[in-house]
PDB file of all heavy atoms in Angstrom:
ATOM      1  N   PRO A   1      -3.358  10.261   0.237  1.00  0.00           N
ATOM      2  CA  PRO A   1      -2.491  10.272  -0.950  1.00  0.00           C
ATOM      3  C   PRO A   1      -1.185  10.996  -0.657  1.00  0.00           C
ATOM      4  O   PRO A   1      -1.160  11.969   0.100  1.00  0.00           O
ATOM      5  CB  PRO A   1      -3.326  11.021  -1.986  1.00  0.00           C
ATOM      6  CG  PRO A   1      -4.738  10.822  -1.555  1.00  0.00           C
ATOM      7  CD  PRO A   1      -4.700  10.806  -0.050  1.00  0.00           C
ATOM      8  N   TYR A   2      -0.101  10.537  -1.256  1.00  0.00           N
ATOM      9  CA  TYR A   2       1.218  11.087  -0.952  1.00  0.00           C
ATOM     10  C   TYR A   2       1.303  12.575  -1.253  1.00  0.00           C
ATOM     11  O   TYR A   2       1.945  13.324  -0.511  1.00  0.00           O
ATOM     12  CB  TYR A   2       2.286  10.342  -1.751  1.00  0.00           C
ATOM     13  CG  TYR A   2       3.693  10.792  -1.439  1.00  0.00           C
ATOM     14  CD1 TYR A   2       4.373  10.282  -0.344  1.00  0.00           C
ATOM     15  CD2 TYR A   2       4.339  11.742  -2.240  1.00  0.00           C
ATOM     16  CE1 TYR A   2       5.659  10.698  -0.044  1.00  0.00           C
ATOM     17  CE2 TYR A   2       5.622  12.157  -1.947  1.00  0.00           C
ATOM     18  CZ  TYR A   2       6.285  11.636  -0.852  1.00  0.00           C
ATOM     19  OH  TYR A   2       7.559  12.056  -0.554  1.00  0.00           O
ATOM     20  N   ASP A   3       0.659  13.023  -2.329  1.00  0.00           N
ATOM     21  CA  ASP A   3       0.758  14.444  -2.664  1.00  0.00           C
ATOM     22  C   ASP A   3      -0.011  15.323  -1.688  1.00  0.00           C
ATOM     23  O   ASP A   3       0.124  16.543  -1.706  1.00  0.00           O
ATOM     24  CB  ASP A   3       0.304  14.711  -4.107  1.00  0.00           C
ATOM     25  CG  ASP A   3      -1.134  14.279  -4.355  1.00  0.00           C
ATOM     26  OD1 ASP A   3      -1.811  13.845  -3.407  1.00  0.00           O
ATOM     27  OD2 ASP A   3      -1.593  14.374  -5.512  1.00  0.00           O
ATOM     28  N   THR A   4      -0.819  14.699  -0.823  1.00  0.00           N
ATOM     29  CA  THR A   4      -1.529  15.430   0.224  1.00  0.00           C
ATOM     30  C   THR A   4      -0.786  15.376   1.549  1.00  0.00           C
ATOM     31  O   THR A   4      -0.731  16.359   2.288  1.00  0.00           O
ATOM     32  CB  THR A   4      -2.947  14.848   0.425  1.00  0.00           C
ATOM     33  OG1 THR A   4      -3.660  14.946  -0.809  1.00  0.00           O
ATOM     34  CG2 THR A   4      -3.701  15.597   1.506  1.00  0.00           C
ATOM     35  N   ASN A   5      -0.210  14.212   1.843  1.00  0.00           N
ATOM     36  CA  ASN A   5       0.459  14.018   3.132  1.00  0.00           C
ATOM     37  C   ASN A   5       1.602  13.032   2.931  1.00  0.00           C
ATOM     38  O   ASN A   5       1.377  11.842   2.741  1.00  0.00           O
ATOM     39  CB  ASN A   5      -0.533  13.492   4.171  1.00  0.00           C
ATOM     40  CG  ASN A   5       0.015  13.507   5.587  1.00  0.00           C
ATOM     41  OD1 ASN A   5       1.143  13.111   5.833  1.00  0.00           O
ATOM     42  ND2 ASN A   5      -0.803  13.956   6.524  1.00  0.00           N
ATOM     43  N   ARG A   6       2.829  13.531   2.951  1.00  0.00           N
ATOM     44  CA  ARG A   6       3.991  12.695   2.682  1.00  0.00           C
ATOM     45  C   ARG A   6       4.073  11.488   3.615  1.00  0.00           C
ATOM     46  O   ARG A   6       4.313  10.364   3.184  1.00  0.00           O
ATOM     47  CB  ARG A   6       5.280  13.510   2.835  1.00  0.00           C
ATOM     48  CG  ARG A   6       5.715  14.286   1.615  1.00  0.00           C
ATOM     49  CD  ARG A   6       7.068  14.919   1.914  1.00  0.00           C
ATOM     50  NE  ARG A   6       7.662  15.547   0.730  1.00  0.00           N
ATOM     51  CZ  ARG A   6       8.866  16.088   0.717  1.00  0.00           C
ATOM     52  NH1 ARG A   6       9.599  16.060   1.814  1.00  0.00           N
ATOM     53  NH2 ARG A   6       9.341  16.639  -0.377  1.00  0.00           N
ATOM     54  N   GLU A   7       3.919  11.749   4.915  1.00  0.00           N
ATOM     55  CA  GLU A   7       4.120  10.673   5.885  1.00  0.00           C
ATOM     56  C   GLU A   7       3.017   9.630   5.809  1.00  0.00           C
ATOM     57  O   GLU A   7       3.271   8.431   5.922  1.00  0.00           O
ATOM     58  CB  GLU A   7       4.208  11.238   7.304  1.00  0.00           C
ATOM     59  CG  GLU A   7       4.561  10.193   8.342  1.00  0.00           C
ATOM     60  CD  GLU A   7       4.961  10.791   9.675  1.00  0.00           C
ATOM     61  OE1 GLU A   7       5.247  12.004   9.723  1.00  0.00           O
ATOM     62  OE2 GLU A   7       4.985  10.045  10.665  1.00  0.00           O
ATOM     63  N   MET A   8       1.794  10.063   5.588  1.00  0.00           N
ATOM     64  CA  MET A   8       0.661   9.132   5.565  1.00  0.00           C
ATOM     65  C   MET A   8       0.514   8.422   4.224  1.00  0.00           C
ATOM     66  O   MET A   8      -0.266   7.477   4.109  1.00  0.00           O
ATOM     67  CB  MET A   8      -0.629   9.883   5.890  1.00  0.00           C
ATOM     68  CG  MET A   8      -0.719  10.394   7.321  1.00  0.00           C
ATOM     69  SD  MET A   8      -0.850   9.055   8.504  1.00  0.00           S
ATOM     70  CE  MET A   8      -2.460   8.392   8.063  1.00  0.00           C
ATOM     71  N   GLY A   9       1.249   8.869   3.215  1.00  0.00           N
ATOM     72  CA  GLY A   9       1.091   8.272   1.895  1.00  0.00           C
ATOM     73  C   GLY A   9       2.320   7.563   1.372  1.00  0.00           C
ATOM     74  O   GLY A   9       2.386   7.215   0.203  1.00  0.00           O
ATOM     75  N   SER A  10       3.299   7.317   2.252  1.00  0.00           N
ATOM     76  CA  SER A  10       4.541   6.697   1.803  1.00  0.00           C
ATOM     77  C   SER A  10       4.746   5.344   2.465  1.00  0.00           C
ATOM     78  O   SER A  10       4.191   5.060   3.523  1.00  0.00           O
ATOM     79  CB  SER A  10       5.733   7.613   2.109  1.00  0.00           C
ATOM     80  OG  SER A  10       5.826   7.853   3.503  1.00  0.00           O
ATOM     81  N   PHE A  11       5.571   4.521   1.840  1.00  0.00           N
ATOM     82  CA  PHE A  11       5.909   3.220   2.404  1.00  0.00           C
ATOM     83  C   PHE A  11       7.237   2.760   1.821  1.00  0.00           C
ATOM     84  O   PHE A  11       7.708   3.296   0.815  1.00  0.00           O
ATOM     85  CB  PHE A  11       4.809   2.189   2.112  1.00  0.00           C
ATOM     86  CG  PHE A  11       4.539   1.977   0.649  1.00  0.00           C
ATOM     87  CD1 PHE A  11       5.260   1.056  -0.101  1.00  0.00           C
ATOM     88  CD2 PHE A  11       3.535   2.710   0.005  1.00  0.00           C
ATOM     89  CE1 PHE A  11       4.998   0.867  -1.449  1.00  0.00           C
ATOM     90  CE2 PHE A  11       3.270   2.526  -1.351  1.00  0.00           C
ATOM     91  CZ  PHE A  11       4.016   1.599  -2.079  1.00  0.00           C
ATOM     92  N   ILE A  12       7.835   1.787   2.477  1.00  0.00           N
ATOM     93  CA  ILE A  12       9.008   1.126   1.915  1.00  0.00           C
ATOM     94  C   ILE A  12       8.671  -0.349   1.709  1.00  0.00           C
ATOM     95  O   ILE A  12       7.747  -0.884   2.331  1.00  0.00           O
ATOM     96  CB  ILE A  12      10.261   1.270   2.810  1.00  0.00           C
ATOM     97  CG1 ILE A  12      10.049   0.591   4.166  1.00  0.00           C
ATOM     98  CG2 ILE A  12      10.637   2.715   2.974  1.00  0.00           C
ATOM     99  CD1 ILE A  12      11.308   0.553   5.021  1.00  0.00           C
ATOM    100  N   ILE A  13       9.418  -0.991   0.818  1.00  0.00           N
ATOM    101  CA  ILE A  13       9.206  -2.394   0.501  1.00  0.00           C
ATOM    102  C   ILE A  13      10.437  -3.172   0.958  1.00  0.00           C
ATOM    103  O   ILE A  13      11.569  -2.767   0.679  1.00  0.00           O
ATOM    104  CB  ILE A  13       8.975  -2.603  -1.007  1.00  0.00           C
ATOM    105  CG1 ILE A  13       7.835  -1.686  -1.490  1.00  0.00           C
ATOM    106  CG2 ILE A  13       8.646  -4.061  -1.306  1.00  0.00           C
ATOM    107  CD1 ILE A  13       7.638  -1.716  -2.997  1.00  0.00           C
ATOM    108  N   ILE A  14      10.206  -4.276   1.654  1.00  0.00           N
ATOM    109  CA  ILE A  14      11.287  -5.056   2.265  1.00  0.00           C
ATOM    110  C   ILE A  14      11.250  -6.480   1.718  1.00  0.00           C
ATOM    111  O   ILE A  14      10.182  -7.096   1.638  1.00  0.00           O
ATOM    112  CB  ILE A  14      11.144  -5.074   3.802  1.00  0.00           C
ATOM    113  CG1 ILE A  14      11.199  -3.634   4.352  1.00  0.00           C
ATOM    114  CG2 ILE A  14      12.225  -5.939   4.443  1.00  0.00           C
ATOM    115  CD1 ILE A  14      10.837  -3.525   5.819  1.00  0.00           C
ATOM    116  N   ASP A  15      12.407  -6.983   1.350  1.00  0.00           N
ATOM    117  CA  ASP A  15      12.513  -8.369   0.902  1.00  0.00           C
ATOM    118  C   ASP A  15      12.347  -9.307   2.098  1.00  0.00           C
ATOM    119  O   ASP A  15      13.007  -9.138   3.127  1.00  0.00           O
ATOM    120  CB  ASP A  15      13.878  -8.605   0.249  1.00  0.00           C
ATOM    121  CG  ASP A  15      14.008 -10.003  -0.331  1.00  0.00           C
ATOM    122  OD1 ASP A  15      14.324 -10.934   0.430  1.00  0.00           O
ATOM    123  OD2 ASP A  15      13.777 -10.162  -1.542  1.00  0.00           O
ATOM    124  N   ARG A  16      11.483 -10.288   1.963  1.00  0.00           N
ATOM    125  CA  ARG A  16      11.153 -11.149   3.094  1.00  0.00           C
ATOM    126  C   ARG A  16      12.274 -12.120   3.433  1.00  0.00           C
ATOM    127  O   ARG A  16      12.355 -12.595   4.567  1.00  0.00           O
ATOM    128  CB  ARG A  16       9.873 -11.923   2.804  1.00  0.00           C
ATOM    129  CG  ARG A  16       8.687 -11.024   2.519  1.00  0.00           C
ATOM    130  CD  ARG A  16       7.409 -11.789   2.343  1.00  0.00           C
ATOM    131  NE  ARG A  16       7.033 -12.477   3.569  1.00  0.00           N
ATOM    132  CZ  ARG A  16       5.825 -12.991   3.784  1.00  0.00           C
ATOM    133  NH1 ARG A  16       4.898 -12.890   2.858  1.00  0.00           N
ATOM    134  NH2 ARG A  16       5.557 -13.607   4.896  1.00  0.00           N
ATOM    135  N   MET A  17      13.140 -12.427   2.491  1.00  0.00           N
ATOM    136  CA  MET A  17      14.203 -13.377   2.740  1.00  0.00           C
ATOM    137  C   MET A  17      15.443 -12.702   3.338  1.00  0.00           C
ATOM    138  O   MET A  17      16.096 -13.260   4.220  1.00  0.00           O
ATOM    139  CB  MET A  17      14.583 -14.101   1.445  1.00  0.00           C
ATOM    140  CG  MET A  17      13.423 -14.806   0.760  1.00  0.00           C
ATOM    141  SD  MET A  17      12.643 -16.087   1.785  1.00  0.00           S
ATOM    142  CE  MET A  17      13.960 -17.292   1.871  1.00  0.00           C
ATOM    143  N   THR A  18      15.771 -11.503   2.860  1.00  0.00           N
ATOM    144  CA  THR A  18      17.006 -10.835   3.287  1.00  0.00           C
ATOM    145  C   THR A  18      16.771  -9.690   4.263  1.00  0.00           C
ATOM    146  O   THR A  18      17.712  -9.213   4.887  1.00  0.00           O
ATOM    147  CB  THR A  18      17.747 -10.269   2.062  1.00  0.00           C
ATOM    148  OG1 THR A  18      16.938  -9.239   1.447  1.00  0.00           O
ATOM    149  CG2 THR A  18      18.021 -11.361   1.040  1.00  0.00           C
ATOM    150  N   ASN A  19      15.528  -9.229   4.371  1.00  0.00           N
ATOM    151  CA  ASN A  19      15.169  -8.047   5.176  1.00  0.00           C
ATOM    152  C   ASN A  19      15.806  -6.765   4.649  1.00  0.00           C
ATOM    153  O   ASN A  19      15.863  -5.759   5.363  1.00  0.00           O
ATOM    154  CB  ASN A  19      15.534  -8.240   6.655  1.00  0.00           C
ATOM    155  CG  ASN A  19      14.573  -9.161   7.368  1.00  0.00           C
ATOM    156  OD1 ASN A  19      13.370  -9.139   7.097  1.00  0.00           O
ATOM    157  ND2 ASN A  19      15.082  -9.980   8.271  1.00  0.00           N
ATOM    158  N   ASN A  20      16.262  -6.769   3.407  1.00  0.00           N
ATOM    159  CA  ASN A  20      16.785  -5.546   2.787  1.00  0.00           C
ATOM    160  C   ASN A  20      15.636  -4.680   2.288  1.00  0.00           C
ATOM    161  O   ASN A  20      14.613  -5.199   1.819  1.00  0.00           O
ATOM    162  CB  ASN A  20      17.693  -5.883   1.606  1.00  0.00           C
ATOM    163  CG  ASN A  20      18.991  -6.538   2.039  1.00  0.00           C
ATOM    164  OD1 ASN A  20      19.457  -6.317   3.156  1.00  0.00           O
ATOM    165  ND2 ASN A  20      19.583  -7.331   1.172  1.00  0.00           N
ATOM    166  N   THR A  21      15.803  -3.365   2.393  1.00  0.00           N
ATOM    167  CA  THR A  21      14.846  -2.449   1.783  1.00  0.00           C
ATOM    168  C   THR A  21      15.084  -2.453   0.277  1.00  0.00           C
ATOM    169  O   THR A  21      16.188  -2.154  -0.186  1.00  0.00           O
ATOM    170  CB  THR A  21      15.011  -1.030   2.340  1.00  0.00           C
ATOM    171  OG1 THR A  21      14.747  -1.049   3.742  1.00  0.00           O
ATOM    172  CG2 THR A  21      14.039  -0.067   1.664  1.00  0.00           C
ATOM    173  N   VAL A  22      14.068  -2.794  -0.489  1.00  0.00           N
ATOM    174  CA  VAL A  22      14.240  -2.971  -1.935  1.00  0.00           C
ATOM    175  C   VAL A  22      13.469  -1.947  -2.761  1.00  0.00           C
ATOM    176  O   VAL A  22      13.641  -1.874  -3.978  1.00  0.00           O
ATOM    177  CB  VAL A  22      13.833  -4.398  -2.364  1.00  0.00           C
ATOM    178  CG1 VAL A  22      14.779  -5.428  -1.774  1.00  0.00           C
ATOM    179  CG2 VAL A  22      12.392  -4.713  -1.956  1.00  0.00           C
ATOM    180  N   GLY A  23      12.610  -1.151  -2.121  1.00  0.00           N
ATOM    181  CA  GLY A  23      11.855  -0.163  -2.885  1.00  0.00           C
ATOM    182  C   GLY A  23      11.189   0.843  -1.976  1.00  0.00           C
ATOM    183  O   GLY A  23      11.044   0.627  -0.767  1.00  0.00           O
ATOM    184  N   VAL A  24      10.807   1.973  -2.561  1.00  0.00           N
ATOM    185  CA  VAL A  24      10.013   2.975  -1.854  1.00  0.00           C
ATOM    186  C   VAL A  24       8.788   3.283  -2.708  1.00  0.00           C
ATOM    187  O   VAL A  24       8.832   3.167  -3.938  1.00  0.00           O
ATOM    188  CB  VAL A  24      10.811   4.264  -1.584  1.00  0.00           C
ATOM    189  CG1 VAL A  24      11.983   3.986  -0.659  1.00  0.00           C
ATOM    190  CG2 VAL A  24      11.307   4.891  -2.875  1.00  0.00           C
ATOM    191  N   GLY A  25       7.698   3.636  -2.055  1.00  0.00           N
ATOM    192  CA  GLY A  25       6.472   3.862  -2.796  1.00  0.00           C
ATOM    193  C   GLY A  25       5.685   5.049  -2.290  1.00  0.00           C
ATOM    194  O   GLY A  25       5.798   5.463  -1.129  1.00  0.00           O
ATOM    195  N   MET A  26       4.888   5.604  -3.183  1.00  0.00           N
ATOM    196  CA  MET A  26       4.019   6.739  -2.887  1.00  0.00           C
ATOM    197  C   MET A  26       2.602   6.386  -3.334  1.00  0.00           C
ATOM    198  O   MET A  26       2.372   6.109  -4.517  1.00  0.00           O
ATOM    199  CB  MET A  26       4.493   7.994  -3.631  1.00  0.00           C
ATOM    200  CG  MET A  26       5.823   8.556  -3.140  1.00  0.00           C
ATOM    201  SD  MET A  26       7.279   7.577  -3.566  1.00  0.00           S
ATOM    202  CE  MET A  26       7.317   7.753  -5.335  1.00  0.00           C
ATOM    203  N   ILE A  27       1.661   6.399  -2.383  1.00  0.00           N
ATOM    204  CA  ILE A  27       0.291   6.005  -2.679  1.00  0.00           C
ATOM    205  C   ILE A  27      -0.429   7.122  -3.442  1.00  0.00           C
ATOM    206  O   ILE A  27      -0.391   8.284  -3.038  1.00  0.00           O
ATOM    207  CB  ILE A  27      -0.475   5.685  -1.383  1.00  0.00           C
ATOM    208  CG1 ILE A  27       0.166   4.477  -0.675  1.00  0.00           C
ATOM    209  CG2 ILE A  27      -1.946   5.407  -1.670  1.00  0.00           C
ATOM    210  CD1 ILE A  27      -0.437   4.178   0.679  1.00  0.00           C
ATOM    211  N   ASP A  28      -1.092   6.741  -4.538  1.00  0.00           N
ATOM    212  CA  ASP A  28      -1.910   7.696  -5.294  1.00  0.00           C
ATOM    213  C   ASP A  28      -3.361   7.670  -4.817  1.00  0.00           C
ATOM    214  O   ASP A  28      -3.936   8.703  -4.496  1.00  0.00           O
ATOM    215  CB  ASP A  28      -1.854   7.372  -6.792  1.00  0.00           C
ATOM    216  CG  ASP A  28      -0.504   7.729  -7.400  1.00  0.00           C
ATOM    217  OD1 ASP A  28       0.155   8.644  -6.867  1.00  0.00           O
ATOM    218  OD2 ASP A  28      -0.107   7.092  -8.377  1.00  0.00           O
ATOM    219  N   PHE A  29      -3.947   6.474  -4.806  1.00  0.00           N
ATOM    220  CA  PHE A  29      -5.354   6.358  -4.380  1.00  0.00           C
ATOM    221  C   PHE A  29      -5.671   4.894  -4.100  1.00  0.00           C
ATOM    222  O   PHE A  29      -4.947   3.986  -4.520  1.00  0.00           O
ATOM    223  CB  PHE A  29      -6.313   6.926  -5.444  1.00  0.00           C
ATOM    224  CG  PHE A  29      -6.101   6.363  -6.828  1.00  0.00           C
ATOM    225  CD1 PHE A  29      -6.644   5.144  -7.205  1.00  0.00           C
ATOM    226  CD2 PHE A  29      -5.352   7.063  -7.772  1.00  0.00           C
ATOM    227  CE1 PHE A  29      -6.444   4.626  -8.473  1.00  0.00           C
ATOM    228  CE2 PHE A  29      -5.136   6.551  -9.055  1.00  0.00           C
ATOM    229  CZ  PHE A  29      -5.699   5.326  -9.394  1.00  0.00           C
ATOM    230  N   ALA A  30      -6.773   4.682  -3.380  1.00  0.00           N
ATOM    231  CA  ALA A  30      -7.251   3.322  -3.120  1.00  0.00           C
ATOM    232  C   ALA A  30      -7.998   2.814  -4.351  1.00  0.00           C
ATOM    233  O   ALA A  30      -8.682   3.579  -5.034  1.00  0.00           O
ATOM    234  CB  ALA A  30      -8.169   3.306  -1.902  1.00  0.00           C
ATOM    235  N   LEU A  31      -7.849   1.545  -4.622  1.00  0.00           N
ATOM    236  CA  LEU A  31      -8.602   0.940  -5.716  1.00  0.00           C
ATOM    237  C   LEU A  31     -10.048   0.743  -5.269  1.00  0.00           C
ATOM    238  O   LEU A  31     -10.313   0.341  -4.135  1.00  0.00           O
ATOM    239  CB  LEU A  31      -7.986  -0.397  -6.112  1.00  0.00           C
ATOM    240  CG  LEU A  31      -6.528  -0.329  -6.595  1.00  0.00           C
ATOM    241  CD1 LEU A  31      -6.014  -1.716  -6.911  1.00  0.00           C
ATOM    242  CD2 LEU A  31      -6.422   0.565  -7.827  1.00  0.00           C
ATOM    243  N   ARG A  32     -10.980   1.008  -6.148  1.00  0.00           N
ATOM    244  CA  ARG A  32     -12.396   0.943  -5.779  1.00  0.00           C
ATOM    245  C   ARG A  32     -12.797  -0.436  -5.294  1.00  0.00           C
ATOM    246  O   ARG A  32     -13.604  -0.584  -4.391  1.00  0.00           O
ATOM    247  CB  ARG A  32     -13.265   1.349  -6.969  1.00  0.00           C
ATOM    248  CG  ARG A  32     -13.206   2.826  -7.298  1.00  0.00           C
ATOM    249  CD  ARG A  32     -14.003   3.142  -8.544  1.00  0.00           C
ATOM    250  NE  ARG A  32     -15.372   2.707  -8.441  1.00  0.00           N
ATOM    251  CZ  ARG A  32     -16.233   2.702  -9.460  1.00  0.00           C
ATOM    252  NH1 ARG A  32     -15.817   3.098 -10.651  1.00  0.00           N
ATOM    253  NH2 ARG A  32     -17.468   2.305  -9.302  1.00  0.00           N
ATOM    254  N   ARG A  33     -12.183  -1.471  -5.889  1.00  0.00           N
ATOM    255  CA  ARG A  33     -12.578  -2.809  -5.487  1.00  0.00           C
ATOM    256  C   ARG A  33     -12.202  -3.099  -4.041  1.00  0.00           C
ATOM    257  O   ARG A  33     -12.738  -4.013  -3.436  1.00  0.00           O
ATOM    258  CB  ARG A  33     -11.940  -3.843  -6.404  1.00  0.00           C
ATOM    259  CG  ARG A  33     -10.416  -3.890  -6.394  1.00  0.00           C
ATOM    260  CD  ARG A  33      -9.934  -5.072  -7.229  1.00  0.00           C
ATOM    261  NE  ARG A  33      -8.485  -5.189  -7.268  1.00  0.00           N
ATOM    262  CZ  ARG A  33      -7.725  -4.734  -8.245  1.00  0.00           C
ATOM    263  NH1 ARG A  33      -8.287  -4.101  -9.270  1.00  0.00           N
ATOM    264  NH2 ARG A  33      -6.411  -4.888  -8.217  1.00  0.00           N
ATOM    265  N   ALA A  34     -11.253  -2.313  -3.488  1.00  0.00           N
ATOM    266  CA  ALA A  34     -10.842  -2.549  -2.107  1.00  0.00           C
ATOM    267  C   ALA A  34     -12.011  -2.356  -1.143  1.00  0.00           C
ATOM    268  O   ALA A  34     -12.104  -3.008  -0.124  1.00  0.00           O
ATOM    269  CB  ALA A  34      -9.693  -1.609  -1.728  1.00  0.00           C
ATOM    270  N   SER A  35     -12.903  -1.442  -1.458  1.00  0.00           N
ATOM    271  CA  SER A  35     -14.037  -1.185  -0.574  1.00  0.00           C
ATOM    272  C   SER A  35     -15.336  -1.771  -1.093  1.00  0.00           C
ATOM    273  O   SER A  35     -16.322  -1.860  -0.369  1.00  0.00           O
ATOM    274  CB  SER A  35     -14.200   0.337  -0.378  1.00  0.00           C
ATOM    275  OG  SER A  35     -14.358   0.974  -1.625  1.00  0.00           O
ATOM    276  N   ASN A  36     -15.368  -2.187  -2.352  1.00  0.00           N
ATOM    277  CA  ASN A  36     -16.614  -2.690  -2.947  1.00  0.00           C
ATOM    278  C   ASN A  36     -16.728  -4.202  -2.950  1.00  0.00           C
ATOM    279  O   ASN A  36     -17.803  -4.744  -3.193  1.00  0.00           O
ATOM    280  CB  ASN A  36     -16.741  -2.200  -4.399  1.00  0.00           C
ATOM    281  CG  ASN A  36     -16.889  -0.693  -4.477  1.00  0.00           C
ATOM    282  OD1 ASN A  36     -17.213  -0.059  -3.482  1.00  0.00           O
ATOM    283  ND2 ASN A  36     -16.644  -0.120  -5.644  1.00  0.00           N
ATOM    284  N   ILE A  37     -15.610  -4.908  -2.710  1.00  0.00           N
ATOM    285  CA  ILE A  37     -15.630  -6.361  -2.776  1.00  0.00           C
ATOM    286  C   ILE A  37     -15.366  -6.938  -1.398  1.00  0.00           C
ATOM    287  O   ILE A  37     -14.418  -6.548  -0.715  1.00  0.00           O
ATOM    288  CB  ILE A  37     -14.575  -6.886  -3.777  1.00  0.00           C
ATOM    289  CG1 ILE A  37     -14.889  -6.366  -5.182  1.00  0.00           C
ATOM    290  CG2 ILE A  37     -14.523  -8.407  -3.769  1.00  0.00           C
ATOM    291  CD1 ILE A  37     -13.886  -6.774  -6.227  1.00  0.00           C
ATOM    292  N   HIS A  38     -16.197  -7.855  -0.965  1.00  0.00           N
ATOM    293  CA  HIS A  38     -16.084  -8.475   0.350  1.00  0.00           C
ATOM    294  C   HIS A  38     -16.192  -9.993   0.196  1.00  0.00           C
ATOM    295  O   HIS A  38     -16.855 -10.492  -0.712  1.00  0.00           O
ATOM    296  CB  HIS A  38     -17.179  -7.975   1.295  1.00  0.00           C
ATOM    297  CG  HIS A  38     -17.232  -6.480   1.396  1.00  0.00           C
ATOM    298  ND1 HIS A  38     -16.448  -5.766   2.261  1.00  0.00           N
ATOM    299  CD2 HIS A  38     -17.971  -5.559   0.713  1.00  0.00           C
ATOM    300  CE1 HIS A  38     -16.705  -4.474   2.114  1.00  0.00           C
ATOM    301  NE2 HIS A  38     -17.619  -4.316   1.181  1.00  0.00           N
ATOM    302  N   TRP A  39     -15.525 -10.706   1.103  1.00  0.00           N
ATOM    303  CA  TRP A  39     -15.617 -12.159   1.083  1.00  0.00           C
ATOM    304  C   TRP A  39     -17.008 -12.572   1.548  1.00  0.00           C
ATOM    305  O   TRP A  39     -17.459 -12.162   2.605  1.00  0.00           O
ATOM    306  CB  TRP A  39     -14.556 -12.776   1.995  1.00  0.00           C
ATOM    307  CG  TRP A  39     -14.524 -14.272   1.902  1.00  0.00           C
ATOM    308  CD1 TRP A  39     -15.177 -15.151   2.703  1.00  0.00           C
ATOM    309  CD2 TRP A  39     -13.828 -15.061   0.928  1.00  0.00           C
ATOM    310  NE1 TRP A  39     -14.922 -16.446   2.309  1.00  0.00           N
ATOM    311  CE2 TRP A  39     -14.096 -16.427   1.223  1.00  0.00           C
ATOM    312  CE3 TRP A  39     -13.001 -14.759  -0.158  1.00  0.00           C
ATOM    313  CZ2 TRP A  39     -13.570 -17.463   0.463  1.00  0.00           C
ATOM    314  CZ3 TRP A  39     -12.486 -15.794  -0.899  1.00  0.00           C
ATOM    315  CH2 TRP A  39     -12.772 -17.124  -0.593  1.00  0.00           C
ATOM    316  N   GLN A  40     -17.689 -13.366   0.732  1.00  0.00           N
ATOM    317  CA  GLN A  40     -19.054 -13.793   1.044  1.00  0.00           C
ATOM    318  C   GLN A  40     -19.009 -15.052   1.909  1.00  0.00           C
ATOM    319  O   GLN A  40     -18.501 -16.091   1.496  1.00  0.00           O
ATOM    320  CB  GLN A  40     -19.839 -14.083  -0.244  1.00  0.00           C
ATOM    321  CG  GLN A  40     -21.271 -14.513  -0.011  1.00  0.00           C
ATOM    322  CD  GLN A  40     -22.098 -13.413   0.622  1.00  0.00           C
ATOM    323  OE1 GLN A  40     -22.081 -12.267   0.175  1.00  0.00           O
ATOM    324  NE2 GLN A  40     -22.794 -13.743   1.689  1.00  0.00           N
ATOM    325  N   ALA A  41     -19.517 -14.944   3.118  1.00  0.00           N
ATOM    326  CA  ALA A  41     -19.552 -16.095   4.018  1.00  0.00           C
ATOM    327  C   ALA A  41     -20.642 -17.075   3.567  1.00  0.00           C
ATOM    328  O   ALA A  41     -21.739 -16.666   3.165  1.00  0.00           O
ATOM    329  CB  ALA A  41     -19.816 -15.642   5.447  1.00  0.00           C
ATOM    330  N   MET A  42     -20.338 -18.381   3.640  1.00  0.00           N
ATOM    331  CA  MET A  42     -21.272 -19.434   3.248  1.00  0.00           C
ATOM    332  C   MET A  42     -21.613 -20.298   4.454  1.00  0.00           C
ATOM    333  O   MET A  42     -20.783 -20.512   5.343  1.00  0.00           O
ATOM    334  CB  MET A  42     -20.655 -20.306   2.131  1.00  0.00           C
ATOM    335  CG  MET A  42     -20.339 -19.548   0.854  1.00  0.00           C
ATOM    336  SD  MET A  42     -21.835 -18.914   0.056  1.00  0.00           S
ATOM    337  CE  MET A  42     -21.110 -18.100  -1.388  1.00  0.00           C
TER     338      MET A  42
END
C-alpha cells in the first residue's frame, strides 16, 4: 500500500494512443476477488 511504501505503491497512467502520462495513482489495497476468483478450465 502507498501509505506503507511510496515506491512500491505508486504508478502512473499512460494514454495508449499518445504515450502521454495522463494520471498518477496510489494503491490502497488489493481487491479480494483478485485472489479469490480464478478462470475455470474446461
